[in-house]
Amino acid sequence: MLMFAVFALSALTPALPSDLLAADTAARVAPRVVASIVEASEMQRDTVYKGRNIRLSAKPKADGTWTGTARFLDNPSHIVETDASYRLQSEAISAALSRAMAEVDRDRMSRGKP
């Protein structure tokens, strides 16, 4: 029965090398494993805090930690970065949001009530 299956397989797929169809496992060629490195991509999220549009992003560092950045979209040159590195991407995003919110609050306190 096994011989019939091997024969049927070889008849249907003649392009297969004969060493893959061999009954002896020592005669088979070991499959080649190709490793690929997938780099972590930057995550971005837009939010609004007290009328200010903020783009939050987290970037991976070489050591596997994350750093967060907040960019104010109404003034693109105004960027707030986190000082520390975080283990998780979500922690870096939260830290960037916290720093951006503090920046907006300090700015509003210095101007007073509208």
C-alpha atoms as a PDB file:
ATOM      1  CA  MET A   1       0.000   0.000   0.000  1.00  0.00           C
ATOM      2  CA  LEU A   2       2.835   2.379   0.887  1.00  0.00           C
ATOM      3  CA  MET A   3       4.634   1.533  -2.324  1.00  0.00           C
ATOM      4  CA  PHE A   4       1.496   2.329  -4.312  1.00  0.00           C
ATOM      5  CA  ALA A   5       1.198   5.735  -2.587  1.00  0.00           C
ATOM      6  CA  VAL A   6       4.825   6.556  -3.355  1.00  0.00           C
ATOM      7  CA  PHE A   7       4.392   5.422  -6.943  1.00  0.00           C
ATOM      8  CA  ALA A   8       1.197   7.476  -7.331  1.00  0.00           C
ATOM      9  CA  LEU A   9       2.891  10.496  -5.834  1.00  0.00           C
ATOM     10  CA  SER A  10       5.902  10.157  -8.111  1.00  0.00           C
ATOM     11  CA  ALA A  11       3.635   9.739 -11.146  1.00  0.00           C
ATOM     12  CA  LEU A  12       1.631  12.854 -10.294  1.00  0.00           C
ATOM     13  CA  THR A  13       4.593  15.066  -9.403  1.00  0.00           C
ATOM     14  CA  PRO A  14       7.616  14.139 -11.499  1.00  0.00           C
ATOM     15  CA  ALA A  15       9.321  17.415 -10.580  1.00  0.00           C
ATOM     16  CA  LEU A  16       9.966  16.234  -7.007  1.00  0.00           C
ATOM     17  CA  PRO A  17      13.500  15.021  -6.396  1.00  0.00           C
ATOM     18  CA  SER A  18      13.825  11.308  -5.813  1.00  0.00           C
ATOM     19  CA  ASP A  19      15.492  11.754  -2.414  1.00  0.00           C
ATOM     20  CA  LEU A  20      12.230  13.138  -0.979  1.00  0.00           C
ATOM     21  CA  LEU A  21      10.384  10.022  -2.124  1.00  0.00           C
ATOM     22  CA  ALA A  22      12.911   7.613  -0.631  1.00  0.00           C
ATOM     23  CA  ALA A  23      11.600   5.273   2.057  1.00  0.00           C
ATOM     24  CA  ASP A  24      14.826   5.471   4.028  1.00  0.00           C
ATOM     25  CA  THR A  25      14.842   8.601   6.228  1.00  0.00           C
ATOM     26  CA  ALA A  26      18.643   8.817   6.104  1.00  0.00           C
ATOM     27  CA  ALA A  27      18.475   9.323   2.349  1.00  0.00           C
ATOM     28  CA  ARG A  28      16.210  12.370   2.667  1.00  0.00           C
ATOM     29  CA  VAL A  29      17.678  15.818   2.533  1.00  0.00           C
ATOM     30  CA  ALA A  30      17.089  17.945   5.631  1.00  0.00           C
ATOM     31  CA  PRO A  31      14.885  20.948   4.881  1.00  0.00           C
ATOM     32  CA  ARG A  32      16.636  24.287   4.830  1.00  0.00           C
ATOM     33  CA  VAL A  33      15.266  26.800   7.325  1.00  0.00           C
ATOM     34  CA  VAL A  34      15.588  30.444   6.394  1.00  0.00           C
ATOM     35  CA  ALA A  35      15.279  32.914   9.250  1.00  0.00           C
ATOM     36  CA  SER A  36      13.995  36.384   8.600  1.00  0.00           C
ATOM     37  CA  ILE A  37      14.121  39.319  10.951  1.00  0.00           C
ATOM     38  CA  VAL A  38      10.954  41.357  11.219  1.00  0.00           C
ATOM     39  CA  GLU A  39      11.615  44.772  12.650  1.00  0.00           C
ATOM     40  CA  ALA A  40       9.046  46.284  14.976  1.00  0.00           C
ATOM     41  CA  SER A  41       7.315  49.143  13.313  1.00  0.00           C
ATOM     42  CA  GLU A  42       6.463  52.506  14.727  1.00  0.00           C
ATOM     43  CA  MET A  43       2.976  52.769  16.168  1.00  0.00           C
ATOM     44  CA  GLN A  44       1.062  56.045  15.820  1.00  0.00           C
ATOM     45  CA  ARG A  45      -2.184  57.288  17.280  1.00  0.00           C
ATOM     46  CA  ASP A  46      -3.893  60.672  16.941  1.00  0.00           C
ATOM     47  CA  THR A  47      -5.811  62.228  19.811  1.00  0.00           C
ATOM     48  CA  VAL A  48      -7.250  65.586  20.886  1.00  0.00           C
ATOM     49  CA  TYR A  49      -6.666  67.090  24.333  1.00  0.00           C
ATOM     50  CA  LYS A  50      -8.296  70.421  25.232  1.00  0.00           C
ATOM     51  CA  GLY A  51      -8.538  71.424  21.584  1.00  0.00           C
ATOM     52  CA  ARG A  52      -4.942  70.502  20.688  1.00  0.00           C
ATOM     53  CA  ASN A  53      -4.388  67.788  18.066  1.00  0.00           C
ATOM     54  CA  ILE A  54      -1.619  65.443  19.156  1.00  0.00           C
ATOM     55  CA  ARG A  55       0.020  62.564  17.271  1.00  0.00           C
ATOM     56  CA  LEU A  56       1.469  59.975  19.635  1.00  0.00           C
ATOM     57  CA  SER A  57       4.066  57.508  18.464  1.00  0.00           C
ATOM     58  CA  ALA A  58       6.245  54.793  19.959  1.00  0.00           C
ATOM     59  CA  LYS A  59       9.564  53.815  18.425  1.00  0.00           C
ATOM     60  CA  PRO A  60      11.591  50.687  19.195  1.00  0.00           C
ATOM     61  CA  LYS A  61      15.168  51.007  20.368  1.00  0.00           C
ATOM     62  CA  ALA A  62      17.999  48.584  19.655  1.00  0.00           C
ATOM     63  CA  ASP A  63      17.832  47.033  23.127  1.00  0.00           C
ATOM     64  CA  GLY A  64      14.152  46.063  22.749  1.00  0.00           C
ATOM     65  CA  THR A  65      12.702  48.924  24.787  1.00  0.00           C
ATOM     66  CA  TRP A  66      10.377  51.630  23.511  1.00  0.00           C
ATOM     67  CA  THR A  67      10.459  55.417  23.590  1.00  0.00           C
ATOM     68  CA  GLY A  68       7.425  57.670  23.160  1.00  0.00           C
ATOM     69  CA  THR A  69       6.987  60.905  21.226  1.00  0.00           C
ATOM     70  CA  ALA A  70       4.126  63.407  21.066  1.00  0.00           C
ATOM     71  CA  ARG A  71       3.923  65.828  18.131  1.00  0.00           C
ATOM     72  CA  PHE A  72       1.485  68.738  18.240  1.00  0.00           C
ATOM     73  CA  LEU A  73      -0.159  68.791  14.802  1.00  0.00           C
ATOM     74  CA  ASP A  74      -1.125  72.476  14.959  1.00  0.00           C
ATOM     75  CA  ASN A  75       2.582  73.290  15.524  1.00  0.00           C
ATOM     76  CA  PRO A  76       4.613  70.409  13.976  1.00  0.00           C
ATOM     77  CA  SER A  77       7.924  71.735  15.253  1.00  0.00           C
ATOM     78  CA  HIS A  78       6.704  71.309  18.853  1.00  0.00           C
ATOM     79  CA  ILE A  79       7.686  67.757  19.870  1.00  0.00           C
ATOM     80  CA  VAL A  80       7.670  66.230  23.353  1.00  0.00           C
ATOM     81  CA  GLU A  81       9.713  63.068  23.956  1.00  0.00           C
ATOM     82  CA  THR A  82       9.797  60.713  26.916  1.00  0.00           C
ATOM     83  CA  ASP A  83      12.968  60.666  28.983  1.00  0.00           C
ATOM     84  CA  ALA A  84      12.824  56.997  29.949  1.00  0.00           C
ATOM     85  CA  SER A  85      12.671  53.764  27.979  1.00  0.00           C
ATOM     86  CA  TYR A  86       9.696  51.450  28.473  1.00  0.00           C
ATOM     87  CA  ARG A  87       9.317  47.692  28.193  1.00  0.00           C
ATOM     88  CA  LEU A  88       5.992  47.831  26.361  1.00  0.00           C
ATOM     89  CA  GLN A  89       4.833  49.856  23.399  1.00  0.00           C
ATOM     90  CA  SER A  90       1.617  50.837  25.175  1.00  0.00           C
ATOM     91  CA  GLU A  91       3.589  52.184  28.156  1.00  0.00           C
ATOM     92  CA  ALA A  92       5.612  54.443  25.859  1.00  0.00           C
ATOM     93  CA  ILE A  93       2.422  55.747  24.212  1.00  0.00           C
ATOM     94  CA  SER A  94       0.848  56.438  27.622  1.00  0.00           C
ATOM     95  CA  ALA A  95       3.966  58.247  28.827  1.00  0.00           C
ATOM     96  CA  ALA A  96       4.038  60.410  25.695  1.00  0.00           C
ATOM     97  CA  LEU A  97       0.362  61.276  26.163  1.00  0.00           C
ATOM     98  CA  SER A  98       0.961  62.158  29.801  1.00  0.00           C
ATOM     99  CA  ARG A  99       3.863  64.459  28.923  1.00  0.00           C
ATOM    100  CA  ALA A 100       1.855  66.138  26.155  1.00  0.00           C
ATOM    101  CA  MET A 101      -1.112  66.682  28.472  1.00  0.00           C
ATOM    102  CA  ALA A 102       1.176  68.230  31.100  1.00  0.00           C
ATOM    103  CA  GLU A 103       2.642  70.530  28.436  1.00  0.00           C
ATOM    104  CA  VAL A 104      -0.840  71.682  27.361  1.00  0.00           C
ATOM    105  CA  ASP A 105      -1.894  72.227  30.989  1.00  0.00           C
ATOM    106  CA  ARG A 106       1.227  74.273  31.785  1.00  0.00           C
ATOM    107  CA  ASP A 107       0.651  76.383  28.681  1.00  0.00           C
ATOM    108  CA  ARG A 108      -2.977  77.020  29.646  1.00  0.00           C
ATOM    109  CA  MET A 109      -2.031  77.894  33.247  1.00  0.00           C
ATOM    110  CA  SER A 110       0.483  80.490  32.117  1.00  0.00           C
ATOM    111  CA  ARG A 111      -2.097  82.204  29.873  1.00  0.00           C
ATOM    112  CA  GLY A 112      -4.936  82.148  32.387  1.00  0.00           C
ATOM    113  CA  LYS A 113      -8.635  81.927  31.568  1.00  0.00           C
ATOM    114  CA  PRO A 114      -9.698  82.659  27.986  1.00  0.00           C
END
